[in-house]
């Protein structure tokens, strides 16, 4: 059974057509009929688990969000990024390229995670922080303000 559908409401973003999503069943904090964020195609957001795109969040390209991961506000997940487990991405955060974000990681504010970076465990990336290259942030790491890890 599908948990959401693509609506007819579209927007052009980053040279792509994105579709607003609408819940077909209740799950987590989402109720039947709730509108969510924007995705390019169904493969971007799993029909299983409690994952969801809220607000104006955008998921596109070959990016995948699944399990119980949530993307909020104006955050963007794109490229080949994989976001799963109980991850929380919010604010104006950007997650892209070949990034893996998992476990209970949080990415917020204007944070940017790119290239082949990995963020996992209970790591938090926020403010204007950047994690890129082949860098890993994990454990109870807190990366914030204008810090860069690469």
Foldseek 3Di string as FASTA:
>chain_A
DFQKDFDPDWDQDPNAIWTWIAGCDDDDPHHHGDIAEIERDQQQEDRDACETHHDHEYTYELHHEDHNEYEYDDEYEYANEYEYDHEYEYAPEYEYHQEYEDDHEYEYADEYEDDHEYEYAHEYEYADEYEYDDYYHYDDHYHYHHHYHD
